[in-house]
Amino acid sequence: MTLMLASVTDLAEAEIAIIEGADIIDMKDPSQGPLGALPHEVIRSVVAASAGRRAVSAVAGNLEMRPDVLREAAEALAATGVDYVKIGFFPGDETAACIDALRAVAGRVRLIAVLFADLGCDLSLLPRFAAAGFTGVMLDTAMKGKGRLIQHKDIATLERFVEACREAKLMAGLAGSLEPPDISRLLLLDPNFLGFRGALCVGRERAARLDPDHVKLVRDLIPRERVVPESGSGDVKVDLRLLAARGYSVEPPSRSEADRVFVHDLVLPVSIGAYDFERGKTQRVRFCIDVDIRRSAYHAEDMRDVFSYDVVVDAIRLLLSRGHVDLVETLAERIADALLAYPRVYRVIARVEKLDVIEGRVGIEITRERAAESGKLHQLYTGAADYSATKTNG
């Protein structure tokens, strides 16, 4: 399950975040850079008021990368009673020594290391964090207002970060000027938590006060429950909030109740082909994808009411990042599988064309449709799709 982390500045904002359903209340001063620290008395007041209702985290500050400085700050924060202490790791020569210096603190409070996508993040550090007893690692941005996380790191790179954390048995967090349209894209990666500040504030300004409506919107876009198999069966129970849409029906749609989201003429370099000469290099491939979805009962007003075309593009990019594919047929099937894993999707038409083989285009178009009887029982995440589909070549 992906948790929602909401950064707040005081007790009043913490109460808003708790009421609207944030999972982790994160204490931070946004006026003081990416990891501005709050006074300890403010943090203690939030810890006391939360009274077990929510986990509380706090940032240690934009600290000099010295082992003694980081350890002292972490120990002082641990004494406030927070559940998590977030420590920023800026590039420097003493990174390894700083990590090792926090080993003793990790025995008393859960430590979250913060790395910065816009300053370069070294994934080779993850095993060292794990060995020092850290609980998790968050990938954030240091220079606020100069690009969202997903602008600094593409979806395939973020997937590698989450997977590397998972391999090191660390929680994986993603943050960095995230906006509501980013949520459905990042949920594809199944991180342990997503962190927000600006998206929750009046006017989307991170230095402004929290807006309850904005907090609710972000909360509604993040699943509150993990999708789990029923005991003794292969069926999958779906929390309909996973659909990021209000008023969704699982019944087969009529023509008037269906919408089509499409991505056409997307040309990407792809390592594809069954011949030996096609290996070890890329060639241009055009993707034209039509996704038929069950429409919401609501007029589209925000991201709760749409199936984003970004999800289609990201699904393709994630599949391409996993290595060479021999056949266009295989690639088209994988795209359809990934998109049919979303419960709102009931039909996918995928056209995949190789542009560099002849003076023209060659490829395949397939149509894959969810079997009507299985429409209620599907998995959100592409890595665990479990569905029946009617297969017809188009």
Protein backbone atom coordinates (compact mmCIF):
# COMPACT_ATOMS: atom_id res chain seq x y z
CA MET A 1 0.00 0.00 0.00
CA THR A 2 1.25 3.49 -0.85
CA LEU A 3 0.92 5.93 2.04
CA MET A 4 0.28 9.67 1.80
CA LEU A 5 2.81 11.91 3.58
CA ALA A 6 1.67 15.49 4.14
CA SER A 7 4.22 18.12 5.16
CA VAL A 8 2.82 20.60 7.70
CA THR A 9 4.16 23.58 9.60
CA ASP A 10 2.19 23.58 12.85
CA LEU A 11 -0.53 21.96 14.91
CA ALA A 12 -3.39 23.58 12.98
CA GLU A 13 -2.12 22.24 9.65
CA ALA A 14 -1.48 18.84 11.24
CA GLU A 15 -5.15 18.68 12.28
CA ILE A 16 -6.26 19.44 8.71
CA ALA A 17 -4.01 16.70 7.35
CA ILE A 18 -5.28 14.20 9.94
CA ILE A 19 -8.94 15.02 9.32
CA GLU A 20 -8.52 14.67 5.54
CA GLY A 21 -6.79 11.31 5.90
CA ALA A 22 -3.03 11.76 5.46
CA ASP A 23 -1.16 8.70 6.72
CA ILE A 24 2.06 10.43 7.85
CA ILE A 25 2.24 13.95 9.30
CA ASP A 26 5.60 15.41 8.32
CA MET A 27 6.92 18.43 10.24
CA LYS A 28 8.78 20.88 8.02
CA ASP A 29 9.40 24.61 7.54
CA PRO A 30 8.97 25.15 3.76
CA SER A 31 10.33 28.69 3.98
CA GLN A 32 13.76 27.29 4.85
CA GLY A 33 14.61 25.25 1.77
CA PRO A 34 13.89 21.60 1.02
CA LEU A 35 14.43 20.34 4.59
CA GLY A 36 13.78 23.34 6.80
CA ALA A 37 13.52 22.25 10.43
CA LEU A 38 10.81 23.38 12.85
CA PRO A 39 11.33 24.21 16.53
CA HIS A 40 11.28 21.12 18.71
CA GLU A 41 8.45 22.49 20.86
CA VAL A 42 6.22 22.67 17.76
CA ILE A 43 7.11 19.10 16.87
CA ARG A 44 6.37 17.90 20.41
CA SER A 45 2.95 19.57 20.32
CA VAL A 46 2.03 17.71 17.14
CA VAL A 47 3.33 14.40 18.50
CA ALA A 48 1.21 14.86 21.64
CA ALA A 49 -1.90 15.92 19.69
CA SER A 50 -1.59 13.05 17.23
CA ALA A 51 -1.80 10.64 20.18
CA GLY A 52 -1.35 7.59 18.03
CA ARG A 53 -3.84 8.72 15.39
CA ARG A 54 -1.10 9.17 12.80
CA ALA A 55 2.61 8.55 12.46
CA VAL A 56 4.67 11.75 12.74
CA SER A 57 7.93 12.49 10.97
CA ALA A 58 10.20 15.52 11.13
CA VAL A 59 13.10 16.79 9.06
CA ALA A 60 16.43 17.51 10.71
CA GLY A 61 17.25 20.57 8.63
CA ASN A 62 19.50 21.54 5.74
CA LEU A 63 22.57 20.36 7.58
CA GLU A 64 26.26 20.40 6.84
CA MET A 65 27.43 16.94 5.81
CA ARG A 66 29.45 16.19 8.94
CA PRO A 67 28.96 13.00 10.97
CA ASP A 68 28.81 14.78 14.33
CA VAL A 69 26.32 17.38 13.08
CA LEU A 70 23.92 14.81 11.62
CA ARG A 71 24.10 12.52 14.64
CA GLU A 72 23.43 15.35 17.11
CA ALA A 73 20.45 16.58 15.08
CA ALA A 74 18.99 13.09 14.73
CA GLU A 75 19.35 12.37 18.44
CA ALA A 76 17.63 15.64 19.36
CA LEU A 77 14.73 14.91 17.00
CA ALA A 78 14.37 11.36 18.30
CA ALA A 79 13.89 12.82 21.79
CA THR A 80 10.76 14.68 20.62
CA GLY A 81 8.89 11.38 20.23
CA VAL A 82 8.48 11.40 16.45
CA ASP A 83 8.10 8.10 14.63
CA TYR A 84 10.45 8.99 11.77
CA VAL A 85 13.47 11.28 11.49
CA LYS A 86 14.31 12.46 7.96
CA ILE A 87 17.96 13.23 7.26
CA GLY A 88 19.01 14.90 4.02
CA PHE A 89 22.15 13.64 2.29
CA PHE A 90 23.64 16.26 0.03
CA PRO A 91 26.59 15.30 -2.23
CA GLY A 92 29.90 15.37 -0.40
CA ASP A 93 33.05 13.50 0.56
CA GLU A 94 31.82 12.38 3.99
CA THR A 95 28.61 10.66 2.95
CA ALA A 96 29.72 7.18 4.03
CA ALA A 97 30.97 8.46 7.40
CA CYS A 98 27.70 10.35 7.93
CA ILE A 99 25.66 7.22 7.30
CA ASP A 100 27.77 5.15 9.66
CA ALA A 101 27.57 7.82 12.39
CA LEU A 102 23.78 7.42 12.49
CA ARG A 103 23.88 3.67 13.14
CA ALA A 104 23.39 4.13 16.91
CA VAL A 105 20.45 6.52 16.41
CA ALA A 106 18.73 4.03 14.10
CA GLY A 107 18.27 1.77 17.10
CA ARG A 108 16.03 4.35 18.80
CA VAL A 109 13.98 5.89 15.99
CA ARG A 110 13.18 5.06 12.38
CA LEU A 111 15.51 6.98 10.08
CA ILE A 112 14.59 8.05 6.55
CA ALA A 113 17.43 9.19 4.30
CA VAL A 114 16.53 11.89 1.77
CA LEU A 115 18.36 11.94 -1.56
CA PHE A 116 17.87 14.59 -4.23
CA ALA A 117 17.00 13.80 -7.83
CA ASP A 118 18.20 17.18 -9.06
CA LEU A 119 21.59 16.87 -7.33
CA GLY A 120 22.30 13.33 -8.47
CA CYS A 121 21.33 10.28 -6.44
CA ASP A 122 23.73 7.40 -5.88
CA LEU A 123 21.79 4.14 -5.67
CA SER A 124 24.95 2.36 -4.53
CA LEU A 125 24.37 4.02 -1.14
CA LEU A 126 21.17 2.06 -0.50
CA PRO A 127 22.82 -1.10 0.89
CA ARG A 128 24.89 1.11 3.20
CA PHE A 129 21.76 2.81 4.52
CA ALA A 130 20.23 -0.61 5.13
CA ALA A 131 23.35 -1.87 6.91
CA ALA A 132 23.29 1.20 9.19
CA GLY A 133 19.72 0.43 10.23
CA PHE A 134 17.82 3.03 8.22
CA THR A 135 14.14 2.31 7.66
CA GLY A 136 13.80 3.92 4.25
CA VAL A 137 14.99 6.34 1.59
CA MET A 138 13.04 9.18 0.01
CA LEU A 139 13.88 10.67 -3.37
CA ASP A 140 13.05 14.39 -3.35
CA THR A 141 14.10 17.59 -5.11
CA ALA A 142 16.37 20.21 -3.55
CA MET A 143 15.60 23.23 -5.74
CA LYS A 144 11.89 23.84 -5.30
CA GLY A 145 10.22 25.64 -8.17
CA LYS A 146 12.72 24.28 -10.70
CA GLY A 147 10.96 21.15 -11.80
CA ARG A 148 8.94 18.27 -10.44
CA LEU A 149 10.53 14.97 -9.51
CA ILE A 150 9.26 13.34 -12.69
CA GLN A 151 10.93 16.07 -14.76
CA HIS A 152 14.31 15.29 -13.22
CA LYS A 153 14.01 11.50 -13.36
CA ASP A 154 11.99 9.60 -15.96
CA ILE A 155 9.53 6.89 -14.96
CA ALA A 156 11.97 4.05 -15.71
CA THR A 157 14.66 5.61 -13.48
CA LEU A 158 12.16 6.06 -10.67
CA GLU A 159 11.14 2.43 -11.05
CA ARG A 160 14.78 1.40 -10.64
CA PHE A 161 15.01 3.49 -7.47
CA VAL A 162 11.92 1.84 -5.96
CA GLU A 163 13.13 -1.62 -6.92
CA ALA A 164 16.61 -0.95 -5.51
CA CYS A 165 15.04 0.13 -2.21
CA ARG A 166 12.91 -3.00 -2.19
CA GLU A 167 15.97 -5.19 -2.80
CA ALA A 168 17.75 -3.48 0.11
CA LYS A 169 14.65 -4.02 2.30
CA LEU A 170 14.14 -0.26 2.65
CA MET A 171 10.92 1.74 2.39
CA ALA A 172 10.86 3.80 -0.81
CA GLY A 173 9.42 7.31 -0.83
CA LEU A 174 8.91 9.74 -3.71
CA ALA A 175 8.44 13.48 -3.35
CA GLY A 176 9.47 16.72 -5.02
CA SER A 177 6.84 19.26 -6.11
CA LEU A 178 4.43 16.44 -6.96
CA GLU A 179 1.09 17.46 -8.46
CA PRO A 180 -2.20 15.53 -8.65
CA PRO A 181 -1.59 14.33 -12.26
CA ASP A 182 1.67 12.71 -11.09
CA ILE A 183 -0.07 10.42 -8.63
CA SER A 184 -1.56 7.83 -10.98
CA ARG A 185 1.78 7.66 -12.79
CA LEU A 186 3.81 7.08 -9.64
CA LEU A 187 1.34 4.55 -8.25
CA LEU A 188 2.45 2.31 -11.12
CA LEU A 189 5.74 1.91 -9.23
CA ASP A 190 4.13 0.91 -5.91
CA PRO A 191 6.29 3.12 -3.64
CA ASN A 192 5.76 2.90 0.11
CA PHE A 193 4.82 6.56 0.36
CA LEU A 194 4.35 9.72 -1.69
CA GLY A 195 5.19 13.09 -0.13
CA PHE A 196 3.38 16.39 -0.74
CA ARG A 197 3.52 20.02 0.32
CA GLY A 198 2.81 22.50 -2.49
CA ALA A 199 -0.04 20.42 -3.94
CA LEU A 200 -1.83 20.65 -0.59
CA CYS A 201 -1.60 24.42 -0.15
CA VAL A 202 -3.69 27.43 -1.10
CA GLY A 203 -2.77 28.41 -4.65
CA ARG A 204 -0.45 25.37 -4.83
CA GLU A 205 2.20 27.52 -3.15
CA ARG A 206 4.26 25.51 -0.70
CA ALA A 207 4.78 28.48 1.62
CA ALA A 208 0.99 29.08 1.89
CA ARG A 209 -1.38 27.40 4.34
CA LEU A 210 -2.89 23.98 3.79
CA ASP A 211 -6.15 23.94 1.83
CA PRO A 212 -8.47 21.14 3.08
CA ASP A 213 -9.95 20.66 -0.40
CA HIS A 214 -6.51 20.18 -1.93
CA VAL A 215 -5.57 17.71 0.79
CA LYS A 216 -8.78 15.77 0.15
CA LEU A 217 -8.13 15.65 -3.60
CA VAL A 218 -4.66 14.16 -3.11
CA ARG A 219 -6.00 11.74 -0.51
CA ASP A 220 -8.74 10.53 -2.86
CA LEU A 221 -6.20 9.82 -5.59
CA ILE A 222 -4.14 7.44 -3.44
CA PRO A 223 -5.49 3.96 -2.60
CA ARG A 224 -6.19 3.47 1.09
CA GLU A 225 -6.11 -0.32 0.93
CA ARG A 226 -3.87 -2.85 -0.73
CA VAL A 227 -5.47 -5.11 -3.30
CA VAL A 228 -5.26 -8.64 -1.85
CA PRO A 229 -6.38 -12.07 -3.09
CA GLU A 230 -9.29 -13.66 -1.32
CA SER A 231 -8.23 -16.62 0.80
CA GLY A 232 -8.36 -19.82 -1.17
CA SER A 233 -9.16 -18.24 -4.52
CA GLY A 234 -7.40 -16.62 -7.41
CA ASP A 235 -9.83 -13.72 -7.49
CA VAL A 236 -8.67 -10.22 -6.60
CA LYS A 237 -10.74 -7.87 -4.45
CA VAL A 238 -10.48 -4.29 -5.63
CA ASP A 239 -10.95 -1.17 -3.57
CA LEU A 240 -12.75 1.08 -6.07
CA ARG A 241 -10.75 4.07 -4.82
CA LEU A 242 -7.87 2.59 -6.78
CA LEU A 243 -9.61 3.82 -9.87
CA ALA A 244 -8.90 7.48 -9.06
CA ALA A 245 -12.38 8.26 -10.33
CA ARG A 246 -15.70 9.03 -8.67
CA GLY A 247 -18.95 7.36 -9.62
CA TYR A 248 -17.34 4.44 -11.45
CA SER A 249 -19.48 1.43 -12.30
CA VAL A 250 -18.11 -2.08 -12.78
CA GLU A 251 -20.99 -3.07 -15.05
CA PRO A 252 -20.24 -3.44 -18.78
CA PRO A 253 -20.67 -0.01 -20.39
CA SER A 254 -23.05 0.89 -23.17
CA ARG A 255 -21.70 2.89 -26.09
CA SER A 256 -22.95 6.12 -24.51
CA GLU A 257 -21.18 5.33 -21.21
CA ALA A 258 -17.74 4.75 -22.71
CA ASP A 259 -14.86 7.14 -23.33
CA ARG A 260 -11.69 6.65 -25.33
CA VAL A 261 -8.28 7.85 -24.20
CA PHE A 262 -5.64 7.68 -26.90
CA VAL A 263 -1.96 8.15 -27.55
CA HIS A 264 -1.20 8.36 -31.28
CA ASP A 265 2.01 8.72 -33.27
CA LEU A 266 4.33 8.31 -30.29
CA VAL A 267 7.73 7.44 -31.82
CA LEU A 268 10.39 6.02 -29.51
CA PRO A 269 13.76 4.30 -29.98
CA VAL A 270 13.25 0.61 -29.17
CA SER A 271 15.53 -2.39 -28.93
CA ILE A 272 13.39 -4.81 -30.91
CA GLY A 273 13.71 -7.52 -33.52
CA ALA A 274 14.29 -11.25 -33.92
CA TYR A 275 17.31 -10.92 -36.25
CA ASP A 276 20.84 -10.81 -34.85
CA PHE A 277 21.56 -7.53 -36.64
CA GLU A 278 18.67 -5.92 -34.73
CA ARG A 279 20.21 -6.61 -31.34
CA GLY A 280 22.42 -4.16 -29.52
CA LYS A 281 20.86 -1.11 -31.15
CA THR A 282 17.55 0.69 -31.34
CA GLN A 283 15.16 1.45 -34.15
CA ARG A 284 12.22 3.79 -34.43
CA VAL A 285 8.86 2.37 -33.41
CA ARG A 286 5.54 4.19 -33.62
CA PHE A 287 2.83 3.50 -31.05
CA CYS A 288 -0.86 4.23 -31.55
CA ILE A 289 -2.86 3.14 -28.51
CA ASP A 290 -6.62 3.49 -27.99
CA VAL A 291 -7.93 2.76 -24.49
CA ASP A 292 -11.68 2.42 -24.01
CA ILE A 293 -12.75 3.18 -20.44
CA ARG A 294 -15.92 3.17 -18.44
CA ARG A 295 -16.89 6.78 -17.96
CA SER A 296 -17.42 8.34 -14.56
CA ALA A 297 -20.90 9.40 -13.43
CA TYR A 298 -19.36 12.83 -12.80
CA HIS A 299 -18.44 15.50 -15.30
CA ALA A 300 -14.65 15.62 -15.38
CA GLU A 301 -13.53 18.32 -12.95
CA ASP A 302 -10.22 17.07 -11.56
CA MET A 303 -7.90 14.06 -11.66
CA ARG A 304 -10.39 11.91 -9.75
CA ASP A 305 -12.58 11.88 -12.85
CA VAL A 306 -10.10 10.89 -15.56
CA PHE A 307 -7.89 8.09 -16.80
CA SER A 308 -4.71 9.92 -17.74
CA TYR A 309 -2.96 9.49 -21.08
CA ASP A 310 0.27 9.84 -19.10
CA VAL A 311 -0.41 6.38 -17.68
CA VAL A 312 -0.43 4.97 -21.23
CA VAL A 313 2.87 6.65 -22.12
CA ASP A 314 4.49 5.59 -18.84
CA ALA A 315 3.34 1.99 -19.28
CA ILE A 316 5.07 1.89 -22.68
CA ARG A 317 8.27 3.49 -21.35
CA LEU A 318 8.41 1.09 -18.41
CA LEU A 319 8.04 -1.90 -20.71
CA LEU A 320 10.77 -0.60 -23.02
CA SER A 321 13.14 -0.09 -20.09
CA ARG A 322 13.11 -3.82 -19.34
CA GLY A 323 15.26 -4.84 -22.27
CA HIS A 324 15.19 -6.20 -25.80
CA VAL A 325 11.94 -7.53 -27.28
CA ASP A 326 12.05 -9.93 -30.19
CA LEU A 327 8.58 -9.39 -31.66
CA VAL A 328 6.22 -6.48 -32.19
CA GLU A 329 3.46 -8.94 -31.33
CA THR A 330 4.99 -9.50 -27.90
CA LEU A 331 5.32 -5.78 -27.26
CA ALA A 332 1.73 -5.08 -28.31
CA GLU A 333 0.47 -7.86 -26.03
CA ARG A 334 2.43 -6.50 -23.07
CA ILE A 335 1.04 -3.01 -23.58
CA ALA A 336 -2.51 -4.34 -23.69
CA ASP A 337 -1.89 -6.47 -20.59
CA ALA A 338 -0.52 -3.50 -18.64
CA LEU A 339 -3.47 -1.27 -19.48
CA LEU A 340 -6.18 -3.90 -18.98
CA ALA A 341 -4.86 -4.24 -15.43
CA TYR A 342 -6.75 -1.02 -14.64
CA PRO A 343 -10.35 -1.77 -13.68
CA ARG A 344 -11.76 1.18 -15.63
CA VAL A 345 -10.23 -0.12 -18.87
CA TYR A 346 -12.32 -2.65 -20.77
CA ARG A 347 -10.73 -2.58 -24.25
CA VAL A 348 -7.31 -1.75 -25.67
CA ILE A 349 -6.40 -1.36 -29.35
CA ALA A 350 -2.63 -1.34 -29.70
CA ARG A 351 -0.86 -0.63 -32.99
CA VAL A 352 2.94 -1.07 -32.98
CA GLU A 353 4.84 -0.16 -36.17
CA LYS A 354 8.52 -0.51 -37.04
CA LEU A 355 9.59 2.43 -39.19
CA ASP A 356 13.14 1.48 -40.20
CA VAL A 357 12.63 -1.94 -41.80
CA ILE A 358 11.38 -0.91 -45.25
CA GLU A 359 10.37 2.25 -47.09
CA GLY A 360 7.09 2.19 -45.26
CA ARG A 361 5.73 0.77 -42.05
CA VAL A 362 5.36 -2.79 -40.77
CA GLY A 363 3.85 -3.98 -37.57
CA ILE A 364 0.70 -5.21 -35.89
CA GLU A 365 -2.55 -3.97 -34.47
CA ILE A 366 -4.30 -6.00 -31.78
CA THR A 367 -7.55 -5.61 -29.89
CA ARG A 368 -7.82 -7.01 -26.39
CA GLU A 369 -10.98 -6.79 -24.34
CA ARG A 370 -11.78 -7.70 -20.77
CA ALA A 371 -14.17 -10.60 -20.41
CA ALA A 372 -17.45 -9.23 -19.04
CA GLU A 373 -17.70 -11.72 -16.20
CA SER A 374 -14.28 -10.73 -14.83
CA GLY A 375 -14.84 -6.97 -14.88
CA LYS A 376 -15.13 -6.69 -11.11
CA LEU A 377 -11.97 -8.52 -10.21
CA HIS A 378 -8.81 -6.86 -11.34
CA GLN A 379 -5.46 -5.63 -10.07
CA LEU A 380 -4.20 -2.07 -10.40
CA TYR A 381 -0.49 -2.70 -10.66
CA THR A 382 0.98 -3.92 -13.92
CA GLY A 383 3.32 -6.35 -12.21
CA ALA A 384 0.43 -8.36 -10.78
CA ALA A 385 -2.32 -8.30 -13.36
CA ASP A 386 -4.80 -11.15 -13.10
CA TYR A 387 -7.60 -11.04 -15.59
CA SER A 388 -9.33 -12.84 -18.41
CA ALA A 389 -9.42 -11.20 -21.80
CA THR A 390 -11.11 -11.91 -25.09
CA LYS A 391 -8.34 -11.97 -27.68
CA THR A 392 -9.00 -10.91 -31.24
CA ASN A 393 -6.58 -9.62 -33.82
CA GLY A 394 -7.61 -6.33 -35.37
